[in-house]
C-alpha atoms as a PDB file:
ATOM      1  CA  MET A   1     -33.675 -13.601  36.502  1.00  0.00           C
ATOM      2  CA  GLU A   2     -32.144 -11.392  34.761  1.00  0.00           C
ATOM      3  CA  ASP A   3     -33.777  -8.232  33.823  1.00  0.00           C
ATOM      4  CA  LEU A   4     -33.749  -7.778  29.821  1.00  0.00           C
ATOM      5  CA  ASN A   5     -34.881  -3.915  29.785  1.00  0.00           C
ATOM      6  CA  ALA A   6     -31.562  -3.197  31.738  1.00  0.00           C
ATOM      7  CA  THR A   7     -29.240  -0.875  30.577  1.00  0.00           C
ATOM      8  CA  PRO A   8     -25.994  -3.296  29.729  1.00  0.00           C
ATOM      9  CA  LYS A   9     -22.893  -1.962  31.279  1.00  0.00           C
ATOM     10  CA  ILE A  10     -20.168  -1.698  28.673  1.00  0.00           C
ATOM     11  CA  GLU A  11     -16.831  -0.969  29.901  1.00  0.00           C
ATOM     12  CA  PHE A  12     -14.127   0.468  26.908  1.00  0.00           C
ATOM     13  CA  ARG A  13     -10.372   0.286  28.064  1.00  0.00           C
ATOM     14  CA  THR A  14      -7.853   2.044  25.766  1.00  0.00           C
ATOM     15  CA  GLU A  15      -4.168   2.248  25.516  1.00  0.00           C
ATOM     16  CA  GLU A  16      -2.359   5.529  26.487  1.00  0.00           C
ATOM     17  CA  GLU A  17      -0.127   5.342  22.772  1.00  0.00           C
ATOM     18  CA  GLN A  18      -0.850   3.108  20.119  1.00  0.00           C
ATOM     19  CA  ASN A  19       2.351   2.731  17.920  1.00  0.00           C
ATOM     20  CA  PHE A  20       0.930   1.067  14.414  1.00  0.00           C
ATOM     21  CA  PRO A  21       4.190   0.269  12.122  1.00  0.00           C
ATOM     22  CA  GLY A  22       4.587   2.404   9.241  1.00  0.00           C
ATOM     23  CA  TYR A  23       3.203   0.499   6.685  1.00  0.00           C
ATOM     24  CA  TYR A  24      -0.217   0.063   8.485  1.00  0.00           C
ATOM     25  CA  THR A  25      -0.720   4.031   8.183  1.00  0.00           C
ATOM     26  CA  ASN A  26      -0.233   4.215   4.117  1.00  0.00           C
ATOM     27  CA  TYR A  27      -2.320   0.990   3.362  1.00  0.00           C
ATOM     28  CA  PHE A  28      -5.364   2.616   2.443  1.00  0.00           C
ATOM     29  CA  SER A  29      -4.209   5.193   0.471  1.00  0.00           C
ATOM     30  CA  MET A  30      -2.608   2.466  -1.389  1.00  0.00           C
ATOM     31  CA  LEU A  31      -5.483   0.534  -1.877  1.00  0.00           C
ATOM     32  CA  LYS A  32      -6.851   3.696  -3.280  1.00  0.00           C
ATOM     33  CA  THR A  33      -4.209   3.606  -6.071  1.00  0.00           C
ATOM     34  CA  LEU A  34      -4.556  -0.297  -6.444  1.00  0.00           C
ATOM     35  CA  ASN A  35      -8.518   0.263  -7.094  1.00  0.00           C
ATOM     36  CA  ARG A  36      -8.006   3.028  -9.567  1.00  0.00           C
ATOM     37  CA  ASP A  37      -5.529   0.807 -11.169  1.00  0.00           C
ATOM     38  CA  ARG A  38      -7.792  -2.041 -11.638  1.00  0.00           C
ATOM     39  CA  LEU A  39     -10.456   0.078 -13.108  1.00  0.00           C
ATOM     40  CA  GLN A  40      -8.556   1.463 -15.543  1.00  0.00           C
ATOM     41  CA  THR A  41      -7.827  -2.224 -16.129  1.00  0.00           C
ATOM     42  CA  LEU A  42     -11.118  -3.121 -16.605  1.00  0.00           C
ATOM     43  CA  SER A  43     -11.814  -0.356 -18.933  1.00  0.00           C
ATOM     44  CA  LEU A  44      -8.878  -1.190 -21.279  1.00  0.00           C
ATOM     45  CA  GLU A  45     -10.512  -3.479 -24.175  1.00  0.00           C
ATOM     46  CA  ARG A  46     -13.635  -0.743 -24.134  1.00  0.00           C
ATOM     47  CA  ARG A  47     -10.966   1.914 -24.703  1.00  0.00           C
ATOM     48  CA  GLY A  48      -9.770  -0.018 -27.367  1.00  0.00           C
ATOM     49  CA  PHE A  49      -6.191  -0.669 -25.690  1.00  0.00           C
ATOM     50  CA  GLU A  50      -4.314  -3.683 -24.592  1.00  0.00           C
ATOM     51  CA  GLU A  51      -2.962  -4.252 -21.615  1.00  0.00           C
ATOM     52  CA  ILE A  52       0.846  -4.362 -21.583  1.00  0.00           C
ATOM     53  CA  ASN A  53       1.470  -6.213 -17.865  1.00  0.00           C
ATOM     54  CA  PRO A  54       2.857  -9.633 -18.809  1.00  0.00           C
ATOM     55  CA  ALA A  55       1.155 -10.910 -15.725  1.00  0.00           C
ATOM     56  CA  LEU A  56      -2.446 -10.376 -17.006  1.00  0.00           C
ATOM     57  CA  GLY A  57      -2.015 -10.793 -20.492  1.00  0.00           C
ATOM     58  CA  PRO A  58      -2.959  -8.660 -23.339  1.00  0.00           C
ATOM     59  CA  ASN A  59      -6.900  -9.187 -23.393  1.00  0.00           C
ATOM     60  CA  PRO A  60      -7.718 -10.460 -19.427  1.00  0.00           C
ATOM     61  CA  SER A  61     -10.969 -11.851 -18.362  1.00  0.00           C
ATOM     62  CA  LYS A  62     -12.407  -9.209 -15.629  1.00  0.00           C
ATOM     63  CA  GLU A  63     -12.482 -12.441 -13.163  1.00  0.00           C
ATOM     64  CA  LYS A  64      -8.588 -12.631 -13.942  1.00  0.00           C
ATOM     65  CA  ILE A  65      -8.264  -8.635 -13.450  1.00  0.00           C
ATOM     66  CA  ASN A  66     -10.323  -9.006 -10.336  1.00  0.00           C
ATOM     67  CA  THR A  67      -8.172 -11.803  -9.114  1.00  0.00           C
ATOM     68  CA  PHE A  68      -4.856 -10.317  -9.653  1.00  0.00           C
ATOM     69  CA  PHE A  69      -5.689  -7.098  -7.884  1.00  0.00           C
ATOM     70  CA  ALA A  70      -7.295  -8.851  -4.856  1.00  0.00           C
ATOM     71  CA  LEU A  71      -3.860 -11.096  -4.528  1.00  0.00           C
ATOM     72  CA  ARG A  72      -1.969  -7.797  -4.552  1.00  0.00           C
ATOM     73  CA  ALA A  73      -3.776  -6.204  -2.355  1.00  0.00           C
ATOM     74  CA  ALA A  74      -4.106  -9.325   0.109  1.00  0.00           C
ATOM     75  CA  VAL A  75       0.321  -9.692  -0.211  1.00  0.00           C
ATOM     76  CA  LEU A  76       0.655  -5.987   0.447  1.00  0.00           C
ATOM     77  CA  SER A  77      -1.841  -5.820   3.778  1.00  0.00           C
ATOM     78  CA  PRO A  78      -0.566  -4.881   6.772  1.00  0.00           C
ATOM     79  CA  ALA A  79      -1.588  -8.402   8.304  1.00  0.00           C
ATOM     80  CA  TYR A  80       0.755 -10.402   5.304  1.00  0.00           C
ATOM     81  CA  LEU A  81       3.665  -8.044   5.528  1.00  0.00           C
ATOM     82  CA  GLY A  82       3.850  -8.422   9.561  1.00  0.00           C
ATOM     83  CA  LEU A  83       4.529 -12.057   8.621  1.00  0.00           C
ATOM     84  CA  MET A  84       7.589 -11.240   7.151  1.00  0.00           C
ATOM     85  CA  GLU A  85      10.903 -11.351   8.905  1.00  0.00           C
ATOM     86  CA  ALA A  86      12.133  -8.039   7.804  1.00  0.00           C
ATOM     87  CA  PRO A  87      12.253  -4.929  10.096  1.00  0.00           C
ATOM     88  CA  ASP A  88       9.659  -1.943   9.473  1.00  0.00           C
ATOM     89  CA  TRP A  89      11.363   0.227   7.063  1.00  0.00           C
ATOM     90  CA  VAL A  90      11.443  -2.486   4.639  1.00  0.00           C
ATOM     91  CA  LYS A  91       7.869  -3.563   5.233  1.00  0.00           C
ATOM     92  CA  SER A  92       6.978   0.193   4.694  1.00  0.00           C
ATOM     93  CA  SER A  93       9.234   0.728   1.876  1.00  0.00           C
ATOM     94  CA  VAL A  94       7.609  -2.357   0.274  1.00  0.00           C
ATOM     95  CA  ALA A  95       3.901  -1.031   0.598  1.00  0.00           C
ATOM     96  CA  ASP A  96       5.296   2.591  -0.252  1.00  0.00           C
ATOM     97  CA  SER A  97       7.082   1.478  -3.705  1.00  0.00           C
ATOM     98  CA  ALA A  98       3.791  -0.664  -4.450  1.00  0.00           C
ATOM     99  CA  LYS A  99       1.884   2.963  -4.176  1.00  0.00           C
ATOM    100  CA  MET A 100       4.708   4.669  -6.275  1.00  0.00           C
ATOM    101  CA  MET A 101       4.226   2.076  -8.917  1.00  0.00           C
ATOM    102  CA  GLY A 102       0.676   2.321  -8.645  1.00  0.00           C
ATOM    103  CA  GLU A 103       0.370   6.002  -9.061  1.00  0.00           C
ATOM    104  CA  MET A 104       2.983   5.877 -12.072  1.00  0.00           C
ATOM    105  CA  VAL A 105       0.851   3.170 -13.530  1.00  0.00           C
ATOM    106  CA  THR A 106      -2.375   5.190 -13.230  1.00  0.00           C
ATOM    107  CA  ASP A 107      -0.884   8.470 -14.344  1.00  0.00           C
ATOM    108  CA  GLN A 108       0.267   6.797 -17.582  1.00  0.00           C
ATOM    109  CA  ASN A 109      -2.727   5.337 -18.214  1.00  0.00           C
ATOM    110  CA  ALA A 110      -4.744   8.512 -17.891  1.00  0.00           C
ATOM    111  CA  ARG A 111      -2.166  10.548 -20.293  1.00  0.00           C
ATOM    112  CA  LEU A 112      -3.038   7.343 -22.477  1.00  0.00           C
ATOM    113  CA  PHE A 113      -6.691   7.791 -22.328  1.00  0.00           C
ATOM    114  CA  ARG A 114      -6.069  11.507 -23.157  1.00  0.00           C
ATOM    115  CA  GLY A 115      -4.333  10.167 -26.581  1.00  0.00           C
ATOM    116  CA  GLU A 116      -0.994  11.610 -25.375  1.00  0.00           C
ATOM    117  CA  LYS A 117       1.805  10.161 -26.890  1.00  0.00           C
ATOM    118  CA  ILE A 118       3.797   7.635 -23.811  1.00  0.00           C
ATOM    119  CA  ASN A 119       6.378   5.337 -23.195  1.00  0.00           C
ATOM    120  CA  ALA A 120       4.475   2.286 -23.176  1.00  0.00           C
ATOM    121  CA  ARG A 121       6.382   0.271 -20.672  1.00  0.00           C
ATOM    122  CA  LEU A 122       5.473  -0.708 -17.148  1.00  0.00           C
ATOM    123  CA  PRO A 123       7.142   1.704 -14.429  1.00  0.00           C
ATOM    124  CA  ILE A 124       9.514   0.465 -12.203  1.00  0.00           C
ATOM    125  CA  ALA A 125      10.185   2.344  -8.802  1.00  0.00           C
ATOM    126  CA  ALA A 126      11.560   1.869  -5.290  1.00  0.00           C
ATOM    127  CA  LYS A 127      10.967   3.797  -2.389  1.00  0.00           C
ATOM    128  CA  PHE A 128      12.711   3.650   1.142  1.00  0.00           C
ATOM    129  CA  THR A 129      10.993   4.605   3.665  1.00  0.00           C
ATOM    130  CA  TYR A 130      11.915   5.027   7.241  1.00  0.00           C
ATOM    131  CA  HIS A 131       9.426   5.906  10.360  1.00  0.00           C
ATOM    132  CA  GLY A 132      11.445   6.072  13.545  1.00  0.00           C
ATOM    133  CA  ASP A 133      11.928   7.845  16.765  1.00  0.00           C
ATOM    134  CA  TRP A 134      14.064  10.754  15.791  1.00  0.00           C
ATOM    135  CA  ASP A 135      14.830  11.522  19.396  1.00  0.00           C
ATOM    136  CA  ARG A 136      16.125   8.933  20.032  1.00  0.00           C
ATOM    137  CA  PHE A 137      18.039   8.482  17.002  1.00  0.00           C
ATOM    138  CA  ILE A 138      19.717  11.675  17.604  1.00  0.00           C
ATOM    139  CA  GLU A 139      20.292  10.960  21.137  1.00  0.00           C
ATOM    140  CA  ASP A 140      22.132   7.668  20.196  1.00  0.00           C
ATOM    141  CA  LYS A 141      24.480   9.590  17.498  1.00  0.00           C
ATOM    142  CA  TYR A 142      25.073  12.463  19.803  1.00  0.00           C
ATOM    143  CA  ARG A 143      26.554  10.020  22.384  1.00  0.00           C
ATOM    144  CA  ILE A 144      28.459   8.246  19.853  1.00  0.00           C
ATOM    145  CA  PHE A 145      29.838  11.568  18.626  1.00  0.00           C
ATOM    146  CA  THR A 146      30.488  13.222  22.305  1.00  0.00           C
ATOM    147  CA  GLY A 147      31.277   9.770  23.716  1.00  0.00           C
ATOM    148  CA  ASP A 148      28.355  10.363  26.387  1.00  0.00           C
ATOM    149  CA  LYS A 149      26.939   7.124  28.295  1.00  0.00           C
END
């Protein structure tokens, strides 16, 4: 019969090194920016503004706004990006571009809310990101340059 008061035996196993692709590391900071954009979008009507994103329309409902941003968060998630048949630097670049565009939009919104005159267009940006093994990269280039094998 099993002793219910006995201390359970728990084993933890870890690997020496865990390597996560670059697009994993920036996901939560991108989510923070995405949520800031969502909150600003939810406040537009109360502030007397209209949305300029054609995907949402000028006066989107709260449900449409929340669904739109939930879908963006899902599509930019590491799990979804991991399904793409592309190098990690492409996936990182997609995630980092989304974060950068979100930062540009939220900054533009904040300036607009303060009454500053701004160019009322959606910003478009791209950021190319490479996370790699620089030691190996440099060694490979050195071998090519010197002819060493």
